[in-house]
Amino acid sequence: MDPYNFQSVASDMNGDHSVIEVQLTMRRTPAAIAPVVDQLMWVIRACQCVHRGDRTVEVALHEALRIAVVMCDVRPSDRLEDISVKCRCESEKEVMVMIGLARAVAFHGRDWGVEPTIHLIKRCVDEVYFEKDGTALHLRKRRDSARPLFVHQVWNQLA
């Protein structure tokens, strides 16, 4: 069984400005994280949404998907639903990612603001936030962002 399935790929090209939007679902398993990150990063790099050598979006995607797969509380009665991922790339401008967490994320007393993974994601991207009901995690990174390019060194130390 494939670790992910493309749901749709859409593009809007007009002049110098182009937008590519990818939607996929991934299995809720740690083995699905790397292939999904690789595929999304291929699209993000092709759209030139990040500078060459900038791994911050890659790190943030990996950690956000890890939250969706590993760290979210799943009640035993819940079936393991697939995770939805929507990635919108505006060429040479920014990338936005929404990770749908369905019912699986539970805030049962958990303060996500103090989680080391969230701090790492915040160092990588310009915006990160959860939907109020906990059903989605949003990331946004502008290409001209001043976020450090060396975050992968910190990420490697945590791994």
N, C-alpha and C. Protein backbone atom coordinates (compact mmCIF):
# COMPACT_ATOMS: atom_id res chain seq x y z
N MET A 1 0.85 -1.18 0.00
CA MET A 1 0.00 0.00 0.00
C MET A 1 0.89 1.24 0.00
N ASP A 2 0.58 2.18 -0.87
CA ASP A 2 1.37 3.42 -0.97
C ASP A 2 1.23 4.25 0.29
N PRO A 3 2.31 4.95 0.68
CA PRO A 3 2.24 5.78 1.89
C PRO A 3 1.40 7.03 1.70
N TYR A 4 1.15 7.43 0.44
CA TYR A 4 0.33 8.61 0.19
C TYR A 4 -0.36 8.48 -1.16
N ASN A 5 -1.42 9.27 -1.34
CA ASN A 5 -2.15 9.31 -2.61
C ASN A 5 -2.41 10.76 -2.97
N PHE A 6 -2.09 11.13 -4.21
CA PHE A 6 -2.41 12.46 -4.68
C PHE A 6 -3.92 12.55 -4.84
N GLN A 7 -4.50 13.63 -4.35
CA GLN A 7 -5.91 13.89 -4.55
C GLN A 7 -6.12 14.82 -5.73
N SER A 8 -5.27 15.87 -5.79
CA SER A 8 -5.36 16.80 -6.91
C SER A 8 -4.09 17.62 -7.02
N VAL A 9 -3.84 18.06 -8.22
CA VAL A 9 -2.75 19.00 -8.51
C VAL A 9 -3.35 20.05 -9.42
N ALA A 10 -3.23 21.30 -9.02
CA ALA A 10 -3.79 22.39 -9.83
C ALA A 10 -2.73 23.46 -10.02
N SER A 11 -2.78 24.12 -11.16
CA SER A 11 -1.84 25.22 -11.40
C SER A 11 -2.57 26.37 -12.04
N ASP A 12 -2.06 27.55 -11.76
CA ASP A 12 -2.60 28.79 -12.34
C ASP A 12 -1.40 29.62 -12.77
N MET A 13 -1.19 29.68 -14.06
CA MET A 13 -0.05 30.41 -14.59
C MET A 13 -0.54 31.65 -15.33
N ASN A 14 -0.12 32.82 -14.87
CA ASN A 14 -0.40 34.04 -15.61
C ASN A 14 0.80 34.96 -15.50
N GLY A 15 1.47 35.10 -16.62
CA GLY A 15 2.66 35.94 -16.68
C GLY A 15 3.78 35.42 -15.81
N ASP A 16 4.35 36.30 -15.02
CA ASP A 16 5.47 35.94 -14.15
C ASP A 16 5.01 35.24 -12.87
N HIS A 17 3.72 35.27 -12.62
CA HIS A 17 3.20 34.74 -11.36
C HIS A 17 2.53 33.39 -11.61
N SER A 18 2.94 32.38 -10.86
CA SER A 18 2.30 31.08 -10.99
C SER A 18 2.05 30.49 -9.61
N VAL A 19 0.97 29.73 -9.53
CA VAL A 19 0.58 29.08 -8.28
C VAL A 19 0.36 27.61 -8.58
N ILE A 20 0.93 26.75 -7.76
CA ILE A 20 0.69 25.32 -7.86
C ILE A 20 0.16 24.86 -6.52
N GLU A 21 -0.92 24.11 -6.58
CA GLU A 21 -1.54 23.59 -5.35
C GLU A 21 -1.62 22.08 -5.45
N VAL A 22 -1.11 21.41 -4.43
CA VAL A 22 -1.10 19.95 -4.37
C VAL A 22 -1.90 19.53 -3.14
N GLN A 23 -2.79 18.56 -3.33
CA GLN A 23 -3.52 17.98 -2.22
C GLN A 23 -3.28 16.49 -2.23
N LEU A 24 -2.97 15.96 -1.06
CA LEU A 24 -2.75 14.52 -0.96
C LEU A 24 -3.23 14.03 0.40
N THR A 25 -3.38 12.73 0.49
CA THR A 25 -3.64 12.10 1.78
C THR A 25 -2.50 11.14 2.04
N MET A 26 -2.11 11.06 3.30
CA MET A 26 -1.04 10.14 3.66
C MET A 26 -1.53 9.21 4.77
N ARG A 27 -0.98 8.03 4.78
CA ARG A 27 -1.32 7.08 5.83
C ARG A 27 -0.76 7.56 7.15
N ARG A 28 -1.45 7.29 8.22
CA ARG A 28 -1.02 7.70 9.55
C ARG A 28 0.00 6.67 10.07
N THR A 29 1.21 6.78 9.50
CA THR A 29 2.29 5.89 9.89
C THR A 29 3.61 6.65 9.75
N PRO A 30 4.55 6.45 10.66
CA PRO A 30 5.84 7.15 10.56
C PRO A 30 6.56 6.90 9.23
N ALA A 31 6.37 5.73 8.64
CA ALA A 31 7.03 5.41 7.38
C ALA A 31 6.55 6.28 6.23
N ALA A 32 5.41 6.94 6.37
CA ALA A 32 4.88 7.78 5.30
C ALA A 32 5.47 9.19 5.32
N ILE A 33 6.07 9.59 6.43
CA ILE A 33 6.53 10.97 6.57
C ILE A 33 7.59 11.33 5.53
N ALA A 34 8.67 10.58 5.45
CA ALA A 34 9.78 10.92 4.54
C ALA A 34 9.34 10.98 3.08
N PRO A 35 8.59 9.98 2.57
CA PRO A 35 8.18 10.08 1.16
C PRO A 35 7.29 11.29 0.88
N VAL A 36 6.42 11.65 1.81
CA VAL A 36 5.55 12.80 1.61
C VAL A 36 6.37 14.09 1.63
N VAL A 37 7.29 14.21 2.58
CA VAL A 37 8.16 15.39 2.64
C VAL A 37 8.98 15.50 1.36
N ASP A 38 9.55 14.39 0.90
CA ASP A 38 10.35 14.41 -0.34
C ASP A 38 9.52 14.88 -1.53
N GLN A 39 8.30 14.36 -1.65
CA GLN A 39 7.46 14.73 -2.78
C GLN A 39 7.06 16.21 -2.72
N LEU A 40 6.68 16.68 -1.54
CA LEU A 40 6.30 18.09 -1.41
C LEU A 40 7.49 19.01 -1.64
N MET A 41 8.65 18.62 -1.14
CA MET A 41 9.84 19.46 -1.34
C MET A 41 10.23 19.51 -2.80
N TRP A 42 10.00 18.45 -3.55
CA TRP A 42 10.26 18.48 -4.98
C TRP A 42 9.41 19.57 -5.64
N VAL A 43 8.12 19.63 -5.28
CA VAL A 43 7.22 20.66 -5.83
C VAL A 43 7.66 22.05 -5.37
N ILE A 44 7.95 22.19 -4.08
CA ILE A 44 8.34 23.49 -3.51
C ILE A 44 9.60 24.02 -4.18
N ARG A 45 10.59 23.14 -4.38
CA ARG A 45 11.84 23.57 -5.03
C ARG A 45 11.62 23.88 -6.50
N ALA A 46 10.77 23.09 -7.16
CA ALA A 46 10.48 23.35 -8.58
C ALA A 46 9.82 24.71 -8.77
N CYS A 47 9.04 25.12 -7.80
CA CYS A 47 8.38 26.44 -7.85
C CYS A 47 9.29 27.56 -7.37
N GLN A 48 10.47 27.20 -6.92
CA GLN A 48 11.44 28.16 -6.39
C GLN A 48 10.85 28.97 -5.23
N CYS A 49 10.11 28.28 -4.36
CA CYS A 49 9.53 28.93 -3.18
C CYS A 49 10.54 29.05 -2.05
N VAL A 50 11.64 28.34 -2.17
CA VAL A 50 12.71 28.43 -1.18
C VAL A 50 14.02 28.64 -1.92
N HIS A 51 14.98 29.23 -1.24
CA HIS A 51 16.31 29.40 -1.83
C HIS A 51 17.04 28.06 -1.83
N ARG A 52 17.93 27.90 -2.78
CA ARG A 52 18.75 26.70 -2.84
C ARG A 52 19.51 26.56 -1.52
N GLY A 53 19.50 25.39 -0.95
CA GLY A 53 20.20 25.14 0.30
C GLY A 53 19.37 25.42 1.54
N ASP A 54 18.20 26.04 1.38
CA ASP A 54 17.32 26.33 2.51
C ASP A 54 16.53 25.07 2.86
N ARG A 55 16.79 24.51 4.02
CA ARG A 55 16.10 23.29 4.44
C ARG A 55 15.06 23.56 5.51
N THR A 56 14.77 24.83 5.77
CA THR A 56 13.85 25.14 6.87
C THR A 56 12.44 24.61 6.63
N VAL A 57 11.94 24.72 5.42
CA VAL A 57 10.60 24.20 5.13
C VAL A 57 10.59 22.69 5.25
N GLU A 58 11.63 22.06 4.78
CA GLU A 58 11.75 20.60 4.88
C GLU A 58 11.69 20.15 6.34
N VAL A 59 12.44 20.82 7.20
CA VAL A 59 12.46 20.50 8.63
C VAL A 59 11.07 20.72 9.23
N ALA A 60 10.45 21.87 8.92
CA ALA A 60 9.13 22.18 9.47
C ALA A 60 8.09 21.16 9.01
N LEU A 61 8.12 20.78 7.73
CA LEU A 61 7.19 19.77 7.22
C LEU A 61 7.37 18.44 7.95
N HIS A 62 8.60 18.02 8.08
CA HIS A 62 8.87 16.75 8.76
C HIS A 62 8.32 16.78 10.19
N GLU A 63 8.60 17.83 10.90
CA GLU A 63 8.16 17.91 12.30
C GLU A 63 6.64 18.04 12.41
N ALA A 64 6.02 18.80 11.51
CA ALA A 64 4.56 18.94 11.53
C ALA A 64 3.87 17.62 11.23
N LEU A 65 4.40 16.89 10.26
CA LEU A 65 3.82 15.57 9.95
C LEU A 65 4.07 14.58 11.08
N ARG A 66 5.19 14.73 11.76
CA ARG A 66 5.46 13.87 12.92
C ARG A 66 4.42 14.13 14.01
N ILE A 67 4.05 15.38 14.20
CA ILE A 67 2.99 15.70 15.16
C ILE A 67 1.70 14.99 14.75
N ALA A 68 1.37 15.09 13.47
CA ALA A 68 0.14 14.48 12.98
C ALA A 68 0.13 12.96 13.12
N VAL A 69 1.28 12.34 12.94
CA VAL A 69 1.36 10.88 12.96
C VAL A 69 1.62 10.33 14.37
N VAL A 70 2.58 10.90 15.05
CA VAL A 70 3.08 10.28 16.28
C VAL A 70 2.57 10.94 17.55
N MET A 71 2.56 12.24 17.58
CA MET A 71 2.34 12.92 18.84
C MET A 71 0.88 13.19 19.17
N CYS A 72 -0.01 13.10 18.19
CA CYS A 72 -1.42 13.37 18.45
C CYS A 72 -2.05 12.21 19.21
N ASP A 73 -2.88 12.56 20.16
CA ASP A 73 -3.58 11.54 20.94
C ASP A 73 -4.71 10.97 20.10
N VAL A 74 -4.74 9.66 19.99
CA VAL A 74 -5.81 8.98 19.28
C VAL A 74 -6.50 8.07 20.28
N ARG A 75 -7.81 8.28 20.41
CA ARG A 75 -8.57 7.41 21.32
C ARG A 75 -8.64 6.02 20.73
N PRO A 76 -8.60 4.98 21.56
CA PRO A 76 -8.65 3.61 21.02
C PRO A 76 -9.87 3.35 20.16
N SER A 77 -10.97 4.06 20.41
CA SER A 77 -12.18 3.84 19.62
C SER A 77 -12.11 4.48 18.24
N ASP A 78 -11.18 5.42 18.05
CA ASP A 78 -11.04 6.09 16.75
C ASP A 78 -10.30 5.20 15.78
N ARG A 79 -10.80 5.16 14.54
CA ARG A 79 -10.01 4.46 13.53
C ARG A 79 -8.91 5.41 13.09
N LEU A 80 -7.83 4.86 12.64
CA LEU A 80 -6.70 5.69 12.22
C LEU A 80 -7.00 6.30 10.86
N GLU A 81 -7.47 7.53 10.88
CA GLU A 81 -7.82 8.21 9.65
C GLU A 81 -6.57 8.70 8.95
N ASP A 82 -6.67 8.80 7.62
CA ASP A 82 -5.56 9.35 6.85
C ASP A 82 -5.41 10.83 7.18
N ILE A 83 -4.24 11.34 6.94
CA ILE A 83 -3.93 12.75 7.17
C ILE A 83 -4.01 13.46 5.84
N SER A 84 -4.71 14.58 5.80
CA SER A 84 -4.78 15.36 4.55
C SER A 84 -3.71 16.45 4.58
N VAL A 85 -3.10 16.67 3.43
CA VAL A 85 -2.06 17.68 3.30
C VAL A 85 -2.36 18.52 2.07
N LYS A 86 -2.35 19.83 2.26
CA LYS A 86 -2.56 20.75 1.14
C LYS A 86 -1.37 21.69 1.11
N CYS A 87 -0.71 21.77 -0.03
CA CYS A 87 0.48 22.60 -0.18
C CYS A 87 0.23 23.57 -1.33
N ARG A 88 0.38 24.86 -1.05
CA ARG A 88 0.16 25.90 -2.06
C ARG A 88 1.47 26.67 -2.23
N CYS A 89 1.99 26.64 -3.45
CA CYS A 89 3.26 27.31 -3.75
C CYS A 89 3.02 28.46 -4.72
N GLU A 90 3.44 29.64 -4.32
CA GLU A 90 3.43 30.79 -5.23
C GLU A 90 4.87 30.99 -5.66
N SER A 91 5.10 30.85 -6.96
CA SER A 91 6.47 30.85 -7.46
C SER A 91 7.25 32.07 -6.98
N GLU A 92 8.42 31.77 -6.47
CA GLU A 92 9.37 32.75 -5.99
C GLU A 92 8.80 33.69 -4.93
N LYS A 93 7.72 33.28 -4.25
CA LYS A 93 7.14 34.13 -3.20
C LYS A 93 7.03 33.41 -1.87
N GLU A 94 6.19 32.36 -1.81
CA GLU A 94 5.97 31.71 -0.53
C GLU A 94 5.38 30.33 -0.73
N VAL A 95 5.40 29.58 0.36
CA VAL A 95 4.76 28.28 0.39
C VAL A 95 3.88 28.24 1.64
N MET A 96 2.68 27.68 1.47
CA MET A 96 1.75 27.52 2.58
C MET A 96 1.33 26.06 2.63
N VAL A 97 1.31 25.50 3.82
CA VAL A 97 0.94 24.10 3.99
C VAL A 97 -0.11 24.00 5.08
N MET A 98 -1.14 23.20 4.82
CA MET A 98 -2.16 22.91 5.81
C MET A 98 -2.19 21.40 5.99
N ILE A 99 -2.03 20.97 7.22
CA ILE A 99 -2.06 19.54 7.53
C ILE A 99 -3.34 19.29 8.32
N GLY A 100 -4.25 18.55 7.72
CA GLY A 100 -5.52 18.23 8.37
C GLY A 100 -5.33 17.10 9.35
N LEU A 101 -5.71 17.35 10.58
CA LEU A 101 -5.48 16.37 11.63
C LEU A 101 -6.74 15.60 12.00
N ALA A 102 -7.84 15.86 11.30
CA ALA A 102 -9.12 15.19 11.55
C ALA A 102 -9.46 15.28 13.04
N ARG A 103 -9.94 14.20 13.60
CA ARG A 103 -10.29 14.22 15.03
C ARG A 103 -9.13 13.77 15.88
N ALA A 104 -8.04 13.43 15.28
CA ALA A 104 -6.97 12.76 16.01
C ALA A 104 -6.18 13.67 16.94
N VAL A 105 -6.14 14.96 16.67
CA VAL A 105 -5.39 15.82 17.58
C VAL A 105 -6.29 16.12 18.77
N ALA A 106 -5.75 15.94 19.93
CA ALA A 106 -6.49 16.21 21.16
C ALA A 106 -5.61 17.08 22.04
N PHE A 107 -6.21 18.08 22.60
CA PHE A 107 -5.46 19.01 23.42
C PHE A 107 -5.59 18.66 24.90
N HIS A 108 -5.97 17.45 25.22
CA HIS A 108 -6.21 17.00 26.59
C HIS A 108 -5.17 17.56 27.55
N GLY A 109 -5.28 18.83 27.88
CA GLY A 109 -4.37 19.44 28.83
C GLY A 109 -2.99 19.72 28.27
N ARG A 110 -2.76 19.43 27.02
CA ARG A 110 -1.43 19.62 26.42
C ARG A 110 -1.25 21.07 25.99
N ASP A 111 -0.17 21.67 26.42
CA ASP A 111 0.15 23.04 26.01
C ASP A 111 1.13 22.94 24.84
N TRP A 112 0.59 23.03 23.62
CA TRP A 112 1.41 22.86 22.43
C TRP A 112 2.46 23.95 22.30
N GLY A 113 2.22 25.09 22.93
CA GLY A 113 3.17 26.19 22.84
C GLY A 113 4.51 25.89 23.46
N VAL A 114 4.58 24.91 24.36
CA VAL A 114 5.84 24.58 25.02
C VAL A 114 6.49 23.33 24.44
N GLU A 115 5.86 22.70 23.46
CA GLU A 115 6.44 21.50 22.84
C GLU A 115 7.70 21.87 22.07
N PRO A 116 8.81 21.15 22.27
CA PRO A 116 10.04 21.45 21.52
C PRO A 116 9.85 21.40 20.00
N THR A 117 9.00 20.50 19.53
CA THR A 117 8.75 20.39 18.10
C THR A 117 8.14 21.68 17.56
N ILE A 118 7.21 22.27 18.29
CA ILE A 118 6.58 23.51 17.84
C ILE A 118 7.60 24.65 17.83
N HIS A 119 8.47 24.69 18.85
CA HIS A 119 9.52 25.72 18.86
C HIS A 119 10.42 25.57 17.63
N LEU A 120 10.76 24.35 17.27
CA LEU A 120 11.60 24.12 16.10
C LEU A 120 10.88 24.58 14.83
N ILE A 121 9.61 24.23 14.70
CA ILE A 121 8.84 24.65 13.52
C ILE A 121 8.79 26.17 13.44
N LYS A 122 8.57 26.83 14.58
CA LYS A 122 8.51 28.29 14.60
C LYS A 122 9.83 28.93 14.18
N ARG A 123 10.95 28.26 14.45
CA ARG A 123 12.25 28.78 14.01
C ARG A 123 12.44 28.62 12.50
N CYS A 124 11.66 27.71 11.90
CA CYS A 124 11.83 27.40 10.49
C CYS A 124 10.93 28.20 9.56
N VAL A 125 9.73 28.50 10.01
CA VAL A 125 8.76 29.15 9.14
C VAL A 125 8.31 30.47 9.75
N ASP A 126 7.65 31.27 8.93
CA ASP A 126 7.20 32.59 9.38
C ASP A 126 5.94 32.52 10.23
N GLU A 127 5.06 31.58 9.92
CA GLU A 127 3.82 31.43 10.68
C GLU A 127 3.56 29.96 10.92
N VAL A 128 3.08 29.65 12.12
CA VAL A 128 2.61 28.30 12.45
C VAL A 128 1.49 28.46 13.46
N TYR A 129 0.38 27.80 13.18
CA TYR A 129 -0.73 27.85 14.13
C TYR A 129 -1.66 26.66 13.93
N PHE A 130 -2.35 26.31 15.01
CA PHE A 130 -3.38 25.28 14.98
C PHE A 130 -4.73 25.94 14.79
N GLU A 131 -5.64 25.25 14.12
CA GLU A 131 -7.03 25.69 14.11
C GLU A 131 -7.53 25.64 15.55
N LYS A 132 -8.50 26.46 15.88
CA LYS A 132 -9.01 26.51 17.25
C LYS A 132 -9.52 25.16 17.73
N ASP A 133 -10.14 24.39 16.83
CA ASP A 133 -10.68 23.10 17.25
C ASP A 133 -9.65 21.97 17.12
N GLY A 134 -8.43 22.31 16.75
CA GLY A 134 -7.36 21.32 16.69
C GLY A 134 -7.40 20.42 15.48
N THR A 135 -8.14 20.79 14.44
CA THR A 135 -8.27 19.92 13.28
C THR A 135 -7.24 20.16 12.19
N ALA A 136 -6.43 21.20 12.32
CA ALA A 136 -5.44 21.48 11.28
C ALA A 136 -4.27 22.26 11.85
N LEU A 137 -3.12 22.04 11.24
CA LEU A 137 -1.90 22.77 11.56
C LEU A 137 -1.48 23.50 10.29
N HIS A 138 -1.25 24.81 10.40
CA HIS A 138 -0.91 25.63 9.24
C HIS A 138 0.54 26.12 9.36
N LEU A 139 1.25 26.09 8.22
CA LEU A 139 2.61 26.60 8.14
C LEU A 139 2.69 27.57 6.96
N ARG A 140 3.48 28.62 7.12
CA ARG A 140 3.70 29.55 6.01
C ARG A 140 5.14 30.05 6.06
N LYS A 141 5.78 30.03 4.89
CA LYS A 141 7.16 30.51 4.79
C LYS A 141 7.29 31.35 3.53
N ARG A 142 7.73 32.58 3.70
CA ARG A 142 8.00 33.46 2.56
C ARG A 142 9.43 33.21 2.08
N ARG A 143 9.61 33.29 0.79
CA ARG A 143 10.94 33.03 0.21
C ARG A 143 11.96 34.03 0.70
N ASP A 144 11.56 35.27 0.89
CA ASP A 144 12.49 36.31 1.32
C ASP A 144 12.58 36.42 2.85
N SER A 145 12.10 35.41 3.53
CA SER A 145 12.13 35.41 4.98
C SER A 145 13.56 35.43 5.51
N ALA A 146 13.71 36.01 6.67
CA ALA A 146 15.03 36.09 7.30
C ALA A 146 15.30 34.87 8.19
N ARG A 147 14.45 33.86 8.12
CA ARG A 147 14.66 32.65 8.94
C ARG A 147 16.00 32.04 8.59
N PRO A 148 16.70 31.53 9.58
CA PRO A 148 18.05 31.00 9.32
C PRO A 148 18.04 29.77 8.43
N LEU A 149 19.08 29.68 7.63
CA LEU A 149 19.23 28.53 6.73
C LEU A 149 19.92 27.36 7.43
N PHE A 150 20.39 27.57 8.65
CA PHE A 150 21.16 26.54 9.33
C PHE A 150 20.33 25.73 10.31
N VAL A 151 19.02 25.82 10.24
CA VAL A 151 18.16 25.12 11.18
C VAL A 151 18.39 23.62 11.14
N HIS A 152 18.78 23.08 9.98
CA HIS A 152 18.99 21.64 9.89
C HIS A 152 20.04 21.15 10.88
N GLN A 153 20.98 22.02 11.27
CA GLN A 153 21.96 21.62 12.27
C GLN A 153 21.29 21.38 13.61
N VAL A 154 20.35 22.25 13.98
CA VAL A 154 19.61 22.09 15.23
C VAL A 154 18.74 20.84 15.14
N TRP A 155 18.09 20.66 13.99
CA TRP A 155 17.20 19.51 13.78
C TRP A 155 17.99 18.20 13.92
N ASN A 156 19.19 18.14 13.33
CA ASN A 156 20.01 16.94 13.43
C ASN A 156 20.40 16.63 14.87
N GLN A 157 20.58 17.66 15.68
CA GLN A 157 20.92 17.45 17.09
C GLN A 157 19.73 16.86 17.85
N LEU A 158 18.48 17.24 17.44
CA LEU A 158 17.30 16.73 18.12
C LEU A 158 16.96 15.32 17.69
N ALA A 159 17.35 14.94 16.47
CA ALA A 159 16.97 13.63 15.93
C ALA A 159 17.66 12.50 16.64
